[in-house]
Amino acid sequence: MGRKAHFTNEQFYSAAMSRVAENGPESVTVASIAEAIGAPVGSVYHRFSSREMIMAGLWLSIAESFQKGFLEILDAGHCIAASLYTPQWVRRNPIESKILLLYRREELIGGEWPEQVRERAEGLEQELRSGLNSFVKKQFGRCSEKNIRRMVFALIDVPLASVRRHLENDETPPEYVDELVRETCITMMEVRNENI
């Protein structure tokens, strides 16, 4: 029987989050995480092979939580609320938002990451695709490629673009961003009855 782990992944992630909050993502090191939770550096390396693995695991945990909330709103059929989810979530979770800027899902799927990282990233991709397809079918009656592209633009691309510059400048996205995102979503939904 193996020894009981004294530290959990969540403790390591929480320590990394605290470092990001204090000095930005670049300040996160294996040594700083070990120091923050009072663990030997070897304990960190026993769980994670590198600093990058800690950050990727943290990114995936945050992305899974973010996407769960987004898909719940989408599943309920609330298009405008789904479009506003990103800017509103970013305001509530500024540190997590900075961490989400570190990677793109495609990088974790296609890069030289361990299988468990790639599998979690692929799972996120499949869940998002399934949720969008279901929403598009309910809203437009069928799941055409054009309808999907339209909703990806309105619900993902525009909201993300609306907050990215502010996050990169350590700013809170202003409230007017919501109005612009809402207007885009309404415009995209106005084609609902068109034969597309």
N, C-alpha and C. Protein backbone atom coordinates (compact mmCIF):
# COMPACT_ATOMS: atom_id res chain seq x y z
N MET A 1 0.85 -1.18 0.00
CA MET A 1 0.00 0.00 0.00
C MET A 1 0.89 1.24 0.00
N GLY A 2 0.59 2.20 -0.90
CA GLY A 2 1.39 3.41 -1.00
C GLY A 2 1.11 4.37 0.14
N ARG A 3 2.01 5.32 0.30
CA ARG A 3 1.82 6.33 1.33
C ARG A 3 0.70 7.28 0.95
N LYS A 4 -0.04 7.73 1.95
CA LYS A 4 -1.10 8.70 1.71
C LYS A 4 -0.47 10.03 1.31
N ALA A 5 -1.02 10.64 0.26
CA ALA A 5 -0.50 11.94 -0.20
C ALA A 5 -0.79 13.01 0.84
N HIS A 6 0.23 13.78 1.17
CA HIS A 6 0.06 14.86 2.15
C HIS A 6 -0.49 16.11 1.50
N PHE A 7 -0.33 16.25 0.22
CA PHE A 7 -0.77 17.45 -0.50
C PHE A 7 -1.63 17.04 -1.69
N THR A 8 -2.62 17.85 -1.96
CA THR A 8 -3.53 17.57 -3.08
C THR A 8 -3.18 18.46 -4.27
N ASN A 9 -3.65 18.06 -5.44
CA ASN A 9 -3.47 18.90 -6.62
C ASN A 9 -4.05 20.29 -6.39
N GLU A 10 -5.20 20.33 -5.70
CA GLU A 10 -5.87 21.61 -5.46
C GLU A 10 -4.99 22.54 -4.63
N GLN A 11 -4.22 21.99 -3.69
CA GLN A 11 -3.32 22.83 -2.90
C GLN A 11 -2.22 23.42 -3.79
N PHE A 12 -1.68 22.60 -4.68
CA PHE A 12 -0.66 23.10 -5.60
C PHE A 12 -1.24 24.17 -6.53
N TYR A 13 -2.45 23.92 -7.03
CA TYR A 13 -3.09 24.89 -7.91
C TYR A 13 -3.40 26.19 -7.19
N SER A 14 -3.87 26.06 -5.96
CA SER A 14 -4.18 27.25 -5.17
C SER A 14 -2.93 28.09 -4.92
N ALA A 15 -1.83 27.42 -4.65
CA ALA A 15 -0.56 28.14 -4.45
C ALA A 15 -0.14 28.85 -5.74
N ALA A 16 -0.31 28.17 -6.87
CA ALA A 16 0.02 28.79 -8.15
C ALA A 16 -0.87 30.00 -8.41
N MET A 17 -2.14 29.88 -8.08
CA MET A 17 -3.08 31.01 -8.24
C MET A 17 -2.64 32.20 -7.40
N SER A 18 -2.21 31.92 -6.17
CA SER A 18 -1.77 33.02 -5.29
C SER A 18 -0.56 33.72 -5.87
N ARG A 19 0.36 32.96 -6.44
CA ARG A 19 1.55 33.58 -7.07
C ARG A 19 1.13 34.43 -8.26
N VAL A 20 0.20 33.94 -9.06
CA VAL A 20 -0.28 34.72 -10.21
C VAL A 20 -0.92 36.01 -9.73
N ALA A 21 -1.72 35.92 -8.67
CA ALA A 21 -2.38 37.12 -8.13
C ALA A 21 -1.38 38.15 -7.64
N GLU A 22 -0.28 37.67 -7.05
CA GLU A 22 0.71 38.59 -6.48
C GLU A 22 1.63 39.19 -7.54
N ASN A 23 2.14 38.35 -8.43
CA ASN A 23 3.19 38.82 -9.34
C ASN A 23 3.05 38.38 -10.79
N GLY A 24 1.89 37.83 -11.15
CA GLY A 24 1.68 37.41 -12.52
C GLY A 24 2.10 35.98 -12.77
N PRO A 25 1.67 35.41 -13.91
CA PRO A 25 1.96 34.00 -14.22
C PRO A 25 3.44 33.67 -14.30
N GLU A 26 4.27 34.63 -14.72
CA GLU A 26 5.70 34.37 -14.88
C GLU A 26 6.38 34.06 -13.55
N SER A 27 5.76 34.49 -12.45
CA SER A 27 6.37 34.31 -11.13
C SER A 27 6.18 32.90 -10.57
N VAL A 28 5.35 32.10 -11.22
CA VAL A 28 5.08 30.76 -10.71
C VAL A 28 6.26 29.84 -11.02
N THR A 29 6.86 29.28 -9.97
CA THR A 29 7.93 28.29 -10.12
C THR A 29 7.61 27.11 -9.20
N VAL A 30 8.24 26.01 -9.44
CA VAL A 30 8.06 24.85 -8.56
C VAL A 30 8.48 25.21 -7.15
N ALA A 31 9.60 25.92 -7.02
CA ALA A 31 10.09 26.29 -5.68
C ALA A 31 9.11 27.22 -4.96
N SER A 32 8.53 28.17 -5.68
CA SER A 32 7.59 29.11 -5.03
C SER A 32 6.32 28.40 -4.59
N ILE A 33 5.88 27.42 -5.37
CA ILE A 33 4.69 26.65 -4.99
C ILE A 33 4.99 25.80 -3.75
N ALA A 34 6.13 25.15 -3.75
CA ALA A 34 6.53 24.34 -2.60
C ALA A 34 6.60 25.19 -1.34
N GLU A 35 7.21 26.35 -1.46
CA GLU A 35 7.34 27.25 -0.31
C GLU A 35 5.97 27.69 0.20
N ALA A 36 5.06 28.00 -0.72
CA ALA A 36 3.75 28.52 -0.33
C ALA A 36 2.94 27.53 0.48
N ILE A 37 3.08 26.23 0.20
CA ILE A 37 2.29 25.25 0.95
C ILE A 37 3.11 24.46 1.96
N GLY A 38 4.38 24.84 2.10
CA GLY A 38 5.22 24.17 3.08
C GLY A 38 5.57 22.75 2.71
N ALA A 39 5.74 22.53 1.41
CA ALA A 39 6.06 21.18 0.93
C ALA A 39 7.50 21.13 0.44
N PRO A 40 8.16 20.00 0.54
CA PRO A 40 9.47 19.87 -0.09
C PRO A 40 9.32 19.98 -1.61
N VAL A 41 10.31 20.53 -2.25
CA VAL A 41 10.28 20.65 -3.72
C VAL A 41 10.06 19.28 -4.35
N GLY A 42 10.65 18.25 -3.75
CA GLY A 42 10.49 16.90 -4.27
C GLY A 42 9.04 16.44 -4.28
N SER A 43 8.23 16.93 -3.32
CA SER A 43 6.80 16.56 -3.28
C SER A 43 6.07 17.12 -4.49
N VAL A 44 6.48 18.31 -4.90
CA VAL A 44 5.86 18.91 -6.08
C VAL A 44 6.23 18.09 -7.31
N TYR A 45 7.52 17.78 -7.43
CA TYR A 45 7.97 17.02 -8.59
C TYR A 45 7.43 15.59 -8.59
N HIS A 46 7.09 15.07 -7.40
CA HIS A 46 6.49 13.74 -7.34
C HIS A 46 5.11 13.74 -8.00
N ARG A 47 4.41 14.88 -7.91
CA ARG A 47 3.06 15.00 -8.48
C ARG A 47 3.08 15.56 -9.90
N PHE A 48 3.97 16.50 -10.14
CA PHE A 48 4.04 17.18 -11.44
C PHE A 48 5.48 17.14 -11.95
N SER A 49 5.64 16.83 -13.22
CA SER A 49 6.99 16.71 -13.77
C SER A 49 7.66 18.04 -14.01
N SER A 50 6.87 19.13 -14.06
CA SER A 50 7.44 20.44 -14.35
C SER A 50 6.47 21.55 -13.96
N ARG A 51 6.96 22.74 -13.97
CA ARG A 51 6.12 23.92 -13.75
C ARG A 51 5.03 24.00 -14.81
N GLU A 52 5.37 23.65 -16.06
CA GLU A 52 4.40 23.70 -17.15
C GLU A 52 3.24 22.75 -16.91
N MET A 53 3.52 21.60 -16.32
CA MET A 53 2.45 20.65 -16.02
C MET A 53 1.51 21.18 -14.94
N ILE A 54 2.06 21.90 -13.99
CA ILE A 54 1.21 22.52 -12.96
C ILE A 54 0.30 23.53 -13.62
N MET A 55 0.86 24.39 -14.46
CA MET A 55 0.07 25.45 -15.09
C MET A 55 -0.95 24.87 -16.06
N ALA A 56 -0.58 23.82 -16.78
CA ALA A 56 -1.54 23.19 -17.70
C ALA A 56 -2.69 22.56 -16.92
N GLY A 57 -2.38 21.90 -15.80
CA GLY A 57 -3.43 21.31 -14.98
C GLY A 57 -4.34 22.37 -14.40
N LEU A 58 -3.75 23.47 -13.95
CA LEU A 58 -4.55 24.58 -13.42
C LEU A 58 -5.42 25.16 -14.53
N TRP A 59 -4.83 25.37 -15.71
CA TRP A 59 -5.59 25.89 -16.85
C TRP A 59 -6.79 25.00 -17.15
N LEU A 60 -6.56 23.69 -17.20
CA LEU A 60 -7.64 22.76 -17.51
C LEU A 60 -8.75 22.80 -16.45
N SER A 61 -8.36 22.87 -15.19
CA SER A 61 -9.37 22.93 -14.12
C SER A 61 -10.23 24.18 -14.24
N ILE A 62 -9.58 25.32 -14.52
CA ILE A 62 -10.32 26.57 -14.68
C ILE A 62 -11.20 26.51 -15.93
N ALA A 63 -10.64 26.01 -17.03
CA ALA A 63 -11.39 25.93 -18.28
C ALA A 63 -12.61 25.02 -18.14
N GLU A 64 -12.46 23.91 -17.41
CA GLU A 64 -13.58 23.00 -17.21
C GLU A 64 -14.69 23.67 -16.41
N SER A 65 -14.32 24.42 -15.38
CA SER A 65 -15.31 25.12 -14.58
C SER A 65 -16.00 26.22 -15.39
N PHE A 66 -15.20 26.99 -16.14
CA PHE A 66 -15.75 28.04 -16.98
C PHE A 66 -16.74 27.46 -18.00
N GLN A 67 -16.32 26.42 -18.68
CA GLN A 67 -17.14 25.85 -19.75
C GLN A 67 -18.42 25.21 -19.20
N LYS A 68 -18.35 24.62 -18.02
CA LYS A 68 -19.53 24.03 -17.40
C LYS A 68 -20.62 25.08 -17.23
N GLY A 69 -20.24 26.25 -16.72
CA GLY A 69 -21.22 27.33 -16.54
C GLY A 69 -21.78 27.83 -17.86
N PHE A 70 -20.90 27.97 -18.84
CA PHE A 70 -21.33 28.43 -20.16
C PHE A 70 -22.32 27.45 -20.79
N LEU A 71 -22.01 26.17 -20.74
CA LEU A 71 -22.87 25.17 -21.37
C LEU A 71 -24.20 25.02 -20.64
N GLU A 72 -24.22 25.24 -19.35
CA GLU A 72 -25.49 25.19 -18.62
C GLU A 72 -26.44 26.28 -19.11
N ILE A 73 -25.90 27.49 -19.32
CA ILE A 73 -26.71 28.59 -19.84
C ILE A 73 -27.15 28.29 -21.27
N LEU A 74 -26.24 27.78 -22.06
CA LEU A 74 -26.54 27.46 -23.45
C LEU A 74 -27.62 26.38 -23.53
N ASP A 75 -27.51 25.36 -22.69
CA ASP A 75 -28.47 24.27 -22.69
C ASP A 75 -29.87 24.75 -22.32
N ALA A 76 -29.94 25.80 -21.50
CA ALA A 76 -31.23 26.36 -21.13
C ALA A 76 -31.81 27.24 -22.24
N GLY A 77 -31.03 27.45 -23.31
CA GLY A 77 -31.52 28.20 -24.46
C GLY A 77 -31.39 29.70 -24.34
N HIS A 78 -30.58 30.17 -23.40
CA HIS A 78 -30.44 31.61 -23.17
C HIS A 78 -29.28 32.17 -23.99
N CYS A 79 -29.56 32.52 -25.22
CA CYS A 79 -28.50 32.94 -26.14
C CYS A 79 -27.77 34.19 -25.66
N ILE A 80 -28.51 35.23 -25.32
CA ILE A 80 -27.87 36.49 -24.92
C ILE A 80 -27.09 36.30 -23.62
N ALA A 81 -27.68 35.58 -22.68
CA ALA A 81 -26.97 35.30 -21.42
C ALA A 81 -25.69 34.52 -21.69
N ALA A 82 -25.73 33.59 -22.66
CA ALA A 82 -24.52 32.83 -23.00
C ALA A 82 -23.47 33.73 -23.61
N SER A 83 -23.89 34.70 -24.44
CA SER A 83 -22.92 35.61 -25.06
C SER A 83 -22.28 36.52 -24.02
N LEU A 84 -23.02 36.86 -22.97
CA LEU A 84 -22.51 37.76 -21.92
C LEU A 84 -21.75 37.01 -20.83
N TYR A 85 -21.76 35.69 -20.88
CA TYR A 85 -21.13 34.88 -19.84
C TYR A 85 -19.65 35.20 -19.71
N THR A 86 -18.95 35.32 -20.83
CA THR A 86 -17.50 35.55 -20.78
C THR A 86 -17.14 36.86 -20.10
N PRO A 87 -17.64 38.03 -20.56
CA PRO A 87 -17.25 39.26 -19.87
C PRO A 87 -17.66 39.30 -18.40
N GLN A 88 -18.82 38.74 -18.09
CA GLN A 88 -19.26 38.75 -16.70
C GLN A 88 -18.41 37.81 -15.84
N TRP A 89 -18.06 36.65 -16.38
CA TRP A 89 -17.20 35.71 -15.65
C TRP A 89 -15.82 36.32 -15.43
N VAL A 90 -15.29 37.00 -16.43
CA VAL A 90 -13.97 37.61 -16.32
C VAL A 90 -13.95 38.65 -15.21
N ARG A 91 -15.01 39.42 -15.08
CA ARG A 91 -15.06 40.42 -14.00
C ARG A 91 -15.07 39.77 -12.62
N ARG A 92 -15.74 38.62 -12.53
CA ARG A 92 -15.81 37.91 -11.24
C ARG A 92 -14.55 37.12 -10.94
N ASN A 93 -13.79 36.76 -11.97
CA ASN A 93 -12.64 35.86 -11.81
C ASN A 93 -11.41 36.42 -12.53
N PRO A 94 -10.89 37.54 -12.08
CA PRO A 94 -9.77 38.17 -12.82
C PRO A 94 -8.49 37.34 -12.84
N ILE A 95 -8.17 36.65 -11.76
CA ILE A 95 -6.94 35.85 -11.72
C ILE A 95 -7.08 34.63 -12.62
N GLU A 96 -8.20 33.93 -12.50
CA GLU A 96 -8.44 32.77 -13.36
C GLU A 96 -8.42 33.17 -14.83
N SER A 97 -8.93 34.36 -15.13
CA SER A 97 -8.97 34.84 -16.51
C SER A 97 -7.57 35.03 -17.07
N LYS A 98 -6.66 35.54 -16.24
CA LYS A 98 -5.27 35.69 -16.69
C LYS A 98 -4.64 34.33 -17.01
N ILE A 99 -4.97 33.36 -16.20
CA ILE A 99 -4.41 32.03 -16.42
C ILE A 99 -4.95 31.43 -17.72
N LEU A 100 -6.22 31.69 -18.03
CA LEU A 100 -6.80 31.15 -19.26
C LEU A 100 -6.15 31.75 -20.51
N LEU A 101 -5.47 32.88 -20.37
CA LEU A 101 -4.76 33.46 -21.51
C LEU A 101 -3.46 32.72 -21.82
N LEU A 102 -3.00 31.88 -20.91
CA LEU A 102 -1.70 31.22 -21.09
C LEU A 102 -1.68 30.20 -22.22
N TYR A 103 -2.80 29.52 -22.44
CA TYR A 103 -2.84 28.47 -23.46
C TYR A 103 -4.11 28.60 -24.28
N ARG A 104 -4.10 27.91 -25.41
CA ARG A 104 -5.31 27.67 -26.18
C ARG A 104 -5.55 26.17 -26.15
N ARG A 105 -6.81 25.82 -26.16
CA ARG A 105 -7.17 24.40 -26.09
C ARG A 105 -6.45 23.60 -27.17
N GLU A 106 -6.35 24.17 -28.37
CA GLU A 106 -5.71 23.47 -29.48
C GLU A 106 -4.23 23.17 -29.19
N GLU A 107 -3.58 24.04 -28.44
CA GLU A 107 -2.18 23.82 -28.09
C GLU A 107 -2.02 22.62 -27.16
N LEU A 108 -2.98 22.47 -26.26
CA LEU A 108 -2.90 21.34 -25.32
C LEU A 108 -3.30 20.03 -25.99
N ILE A 109 -4.12 20.11 -27.03
CA ILE A 109 -4.50 18.90 -27.76
C ILE A 109 -3.37 18.45 -28.67
N GLY A 110 -2.72 19.41 -29.34
CA GLY A 110 -1.77 19.06 -30.38
C GLY A 110 -0.31 19.10 -30.00
N GLY A 111 0.01 19.70 -28.88
CA GLY A 111 1.41 19.82 -28.52
C GLY A 111 2.00 18.54 -27.96
N GLU A 112 3.22 18.64 -27.47
CA GLU A 112 3.90 17.47 -26.90
C GLU A 112 3.58 17.33 -25.41
N TRP A 113 2.30 17.26 -25.13
CA TRP A 113 1.84 17.13 -23.76
C TRP A 113 1.57 15.67 -23.44
N PRO A 114 1.64 15.30 -22.16
CA PRO A 114 1.28 13.93 -21.78
C PRO A 114 -0.17 13.61 -22.15
N GLU A 115 -0.44 12.34 -22.27
CA GLU A 115 -1.75 11.90 -22.72
C GLU A 115 -2.89 12.43 -21.86
N GLN A 116 -2.70 12.48 -20.53
CA GLN A 116 -3.79 12.92 -19.67
C GLN A 116 -4.16 14.38 -19.91
N VAL A 117 -3.17 15.20 -20.28
CA VAL A 117 -3.45 16.60 -20.59
C VAL A 117 -4.22 16.68 -21.90
N ARG A 118 -3.74 15.96 -22.91
CA ARG A 118 -4.41 15.98 -24.21
C ARG A 118 -5.83 15.44 -24.12
N GLU A 119 -6.03 14.40 -23.32
CA GLU A 119 -7.37 13.82 -23.18
C GLU A 119 -8.34 14.80 -22.53
N ARG A 120 -7.89 15.51 -21.50
CA ARG A 120 -8.77 16.49 -20.86
C ARG A 120 -9.10 17.63 -21.81
N ALA A 121 -8.12 18.09 -22.57
CA ALA A 121 -8.36 19.17 -23.53
C ALA A 121 -9.30 18.71 -24.64
N GLU A 122 -9.13 17.48 -25.10
CA GLU A 122 -10.02 16.94 -26.12
C GLU A 122 -11.44 16.78 -25.58
N GLY A 123 -11.55 16.40 -24.31
CA GLY A 123 -12.86 16.29 -23.68
C GLY A 123 -13.58 17.63 -23.66
N LEU A 124 -12.84 18.68 -23.34
CA LEU A 124 -13.42 20.02 -23.37
C LEU A 124 -13.91 20.37 -24.77
N GLU A 125 -13.10 20.08 -25.76
CA GLU A 125 -13.45 20.37 -27.15
C GLU A 125 -14.72 19.63 -27.56
N GLN A 126 -14.81 18.36 -27.22
CA GLN A 126 -15.98 17.57 -27.59
C GLN A 126 -17.25 18.05 -26.88
N GLU A 127 -17.12 18.40 -25.59
CA GLU A 127 -18.28 18.90 -24.85
C GLU A 127 -18.78 20.21 -25.42
N LEU A 128 -17.85 21.10 -25.78
CA LEU A 128 -18.24 22.38 -26.35
C LEU A 128 -18.92 22.17 -27.70
N ARG A 129 -18.34 21.34 -28.54
CA ARG A 129 -18.93 21.08 -29.86
C ARG A 129 -20.33 20.50 -29.72
N SER A 130 -20.49 19.54 -28.82
CA SER A 130 -21.79 18.93 -28.60
C SER A 130 -22.81 19.95 -28.11
N GLY A 131 -22.41 20.79 -27.15
CA GLY A 131 -23.32 21.80 -26.62
C GLY A 131 -23.73 22.81 -27.67
N LEU A 132 -22.78 23.25 -28.48
CA LEU A 132 -23.09 24.20 -29.55
C LEU A 132 -24.00 23.58 -30.60
N ASN A 133 -23.70 22.35 -31.00
CA ASN A 133 -24.53 21.68 -31.99
C ASN A 133 -25.96 21.54 -31.51
N SER A 134 -26.13 21.16 -30.26
CA SER A 134 -27.47 21.00 -29.69
C SER A 134 -28.20 22.34 -29.66
N PHE A 135 -27.50 23.39 -29.25
CA PHE A 135 -28.12 24.72 -29.18
C PHE A 135 -28.53 25.19 -30.58
N VAL A 136 -27.63 25.04 -31.55
CA VAL A 136 -27.91 25.49 -32.91
C VAL A 136 -29.11 24.74 -33.48
N LYS A 137 -29.18 23.46 -33.24
CA LYS A 137 -30.31 22.67 -33.76
C LYS A 137 -31.62 23.16 -33.17
N LYS A 138 -31.61 23.46 -31.86
CA LYS A 138 -32.84 23.94 -31.21
C LYS A 138 -33.24 25.32 -31.72
N GLN A 139 -32.25 26.18 -31.92
CA GLN A 139 -32.54 27.56 -32.30
C GLN A 139 -32.89 27.71 -33.78
N PHE A 140 -32.19 26.98 -34.64
CA PHE A 140 -32.35 27.17 -36.08
C PHE A 140 -33.08 26.03 -36.78
N GLY A 141 -33.32 24.95 -36.06
CA GLY A 141 -34.03 23.84 -36.66
C GLY A 141 -33.12 22.81 -37.31
N ARG A 142 -31.93 23.22 -37.62
CA ARG A 142 -30.96 22.27 -38.16
C ARG A 142 -29.56 22.76 -37.85
N CYS A 143 -28.62 21.85 -37.95
CA CYS A 143 -27.25 22.13 -37.50
C CYS A 143 -26.32 22.28 -38.69
N SER A 144 -26.55 23.33 -39.49
CA SER A 144 -25.69 23.54 -40.66
C SER A 144 -24.37 24.18 -40.22
N GLU A 145 -23.37 24.03 -41.08
CA GLU A 145 -22.06 24.60 -40.79
C GLU A 145 -22.14 26.12 -40.66
N LYS A 146 -22.97 26.75 -41.49
CA LYS A 146 -23.10 28.20 -41.44
C LYS A 146 -23.72 28.64 -40.12
N ASN A 147 -24.74 27.92 -39.66
CA ASN A 147 -25.37 28.25 -38.38
C ASN A 147 -24.37 28.11 -37.23
N ILE A 148 -23.58 27.05 -37.27
CA ILE A 148 -22.59 26.83 -36.22
C ILE A 148 -21.56 27.95 -36.22
N ARG A 149 -21.04 28.31 -37.39
CA ARG A 149 -20.06 29.40 -37.47
C ARG A 149 -20.64 30.71 -36.93
N ARG A 150 -21.90 30.95 -37.25
CA ARG A 150 -22.56 32.17 -36.78
C ARG A 150 -22.61 32.21 -35.25
N MET A 151 -22.97 31.08 -34.64
CA MET A 151 -23.08 31.05 -33.19
C MET A 151 -21.71 31.03 -32.51
N VAL A 152 -20.73 30.39 -33.10
CA VAL A 152 -19.37 30.44 -32.55
C VAL A 152 -18.88 31.89 -32.54
N PHE A 153 -19.17 32.62 -33.61
CA PHE A 153 -18.78 34.02 -33.69
C PHE A 153 -19.46 34.83 -32.59
N ALA A 154 -20.77 34.66 -32.45
CA ALA A 154 -21.54 35.47 -31.50
C ALA A 154 -21.31 35.09 -30.05
N LEU A 155 -21.14 33.80 -29.78
CA LEU A 155 -21.10 33.33 -28.39
C LEU A 155 -19.69 33.12 -27.86
N ILE A 156 -18.71 32.96 -28.76
CA ILE A 156 -17.34 32.66 -28.32
C ILE A 156 -16.34 33.70 -28.82
N ASP A 157 -16.28 33.89 -30.15
CA ASP A 157 -15.25 34.76 -30.72
C ASP A 157 -15.38 36.20 -30.26
N VAL A 158 -16.58 36.77 -30.40
CA VAL A 158 -16.77 38.18 -30.02
C VAL A 158 -16.59 38.39 -28.52
N PRO A 159 -17.23 37.59 -27.65
CA PRO A 159 -17.01 37.80 -26.22
C PRO A 159 -15.53 37.68 -25.81
N LEU A 160 -14.82 36.70 -26.38
CA LEU A 160 -13.40 36.55 -26.04
C LEU A 160 -12.59 37.75 -26.51
N ALA A 161 -12.83 38.18 -27.74
CA ALA A 161 -12.10 39.34 -28.27
C ALA A 161 -12.40 40.60 -27.45
N SER A 162 -13.62 40.69 -26.94
CA SER A 162 -14.03 41.89 -26.21
C SER A 162 -13.31 42.04 -24.87
N VAL A 163 -12.81 40.93 -24.31
CA VAL A 163 -12.14 41.01 -23.00
C VAL A 163 -10.63 40.85 -23.09
N ARG A 164 -10.13 40.25 -24.16
CA ARG A 164 -8.71 39.91 -24.23
C ARG A 164 -7.80 41.12 -24.04
N ARG A 165 -8.03 42.18 -24.76
CA ARG A 165 -7.15 43.34 -24.67
C ARG A 165 -7.14 43.91 -23.25
N HIS A 166 -8.30 43.94 -22.62
CA HIS A 166 -8.38 44.46 -21.25
C HIS A 166 -7.60 43.56 -20.29
N LEU A 167 -7.71 42.26 -20.46
CA LEU A 167 -6.97 41.34 -19.60
C LEU A 167 -5.47 41.49 -19.80
N GLU A 168 -5.05 41.63 -21.05
CA GLU A 168 -3.62 41.78 -21.33
C GLU A 168 -3.06 43.07 -20.76
N ASN A 169 -3.93 44.07 -20.56
CA ASN A 169 -3.51 45.35 -19.98
C ASN A 169 -3.83 45.44 -18.49
N ASP A 170 -4.16 44.30 -17.87
CA ASP A 170 -4.52 44.26 -16.44
C ASP A 170 -5.67 45.19 -16.11
N GLU A 171 -6.65 45.25 -17.00
CA GLU A 171 -7.84 46.08 -16.79
C GLU A 171 -9.07 45.19 -16.65
N THR A 172 -10.05 45.71 -15.92
CA THR A 172 -11.35 45.05 -15.86
C THR A 172 -12.14 45.45 -17.10
N PRO A 173 -12.71 44.50 -17.84
CA PRO A 173 -13.49 44.88 -19.01
C PRO A 173 -14.62 45.83 -18.63
N PRO A 174 -14.72 46.97 -19.29
CA PRO A 174 -15.77 47.94 -18.95
C PRO A 174 -17.16 47.42 -19.29
N GLU A 175 -18.16 48.03 -18.69
CA GLU A 175 -19.54 47.57 -18.86
C GLU A 175 -20.02 47.72 -20.30
N TYR A 176 -19.50 48.69 -21.04
CA TYR A 176 -19.99 48.88 -22.40
C TYR A 176 -19.70 47.66 -23.28
N VAL A 177 -18.72 46.87 -22.89
CA VAL A 177 -18.41 45.64 -23.62
C VAL A 177 -19.65 44.75 -23.70
N ASP A 178 -20.41 44.68 -22.62
CA ASP A 178 -21.59 43.82 -22.59
C ASP A 178 -22.61 44.25 -23.64
N GLU A 179 -22.78 45.56 -23.79
CA GLU A 179 -23.75 46.05 -24.77
C GLU A 179 -23.33 45.68 -26.19
N LEU A 180 -22.05 45.80 -26.48
CA LEU A 180 -21.56 45.46 -27.81
C LEU A 180 -21.71 43.95 -28.08
N VAL A 181 -21.40 43.16 -27.08
CA VAL A 181 -21.55 41.71 -27.22
C VAL A 181 -23.02 41.36 -27.41
N ARG A 182 -23.89 41.99 -26.63
CA ARG A 182 -25.33 41.73 -26.74
C ARG A 182 -25.84 42.09 -28.13
N GLU A 183 -25.43 43.25 -28.64
CA GLU A 183 -25.88 43.68 -29.96
C GLU A 183 -25.44 42.70 -31.04
N THR A 184 -24.22 42.20 -30.92
CA THR A 184 -23.73 41.22 -31.89
C THR A 184 -24.57 39.95 -31.85
N CYS A 185 -24.86 39.48 -30.65
CA CYS A 185 -25.64 38.27 -30.50
C CYS A 185 -27.04 38.44 -31.09
N ILE A 186 -27.67 39.56 -30.80
CA ILE A 186 -29.02 39.81 -31.33
C ILE A 186 -28.99 39.82 -32.86
N THR A 187 -27.98 40.47 -33.43
CA THR A 187 -27.85 40.51 -34.89
C THR A 187 -27.70 39.12 -35.47
N MET A 188 -26.87 38.30 -34.84
CA MET A 188 -26.68 36.95 -35.34
C MET A 188 -27.95 36.11 -35.23
N MET A 189 -28.75 36.36 -34.20
CA MET A 189 -29.97 35.58 -34.00
C MET A 189 -31.10 36.05 -34.90
N GLU A 190 -30.99 37.23 -35.47
CA GLU A 190 -32.06 37.74 -36.33
C GLU A 190 -32.20 36.92 -37.61
N VAL A 191 -31.22 36.10 -37.92
CA VAL A 191 -31.30 35.28 -39.13
C VAL A 191 -31.96 33.93 -38.83
N ARG A 192 -32.48 33.78 -37.63
CA ARG A 192 -33.01 32.48 -37.21
C ARG A 192 -34.02 31.92 -38.22
N ASN A 193 -34.85 32.77 -38.76
CA ASN A 193 -35.90 32.29 -39.66
C ASN A 193 -35.49 32.31 -41.13
N GLU A 194 -34.26 32.70 -41.39
CA GLU A 194 -33.79 32.66 -42.76
C GLU A 194 -33.46 31.23 -43.16
N ASN A 195 -33.57 30.96 -44.42
CA ASN A 195 -33.25 29.61 -44.91
C ASN A 195 -31.75 29.53 -45.18
N ILE A 196 -30.97 29.23 -44.11
CA ILE A 196 -29.52 29.19 -44.27
C ILE A 196 -29.00 27.80 -43.94
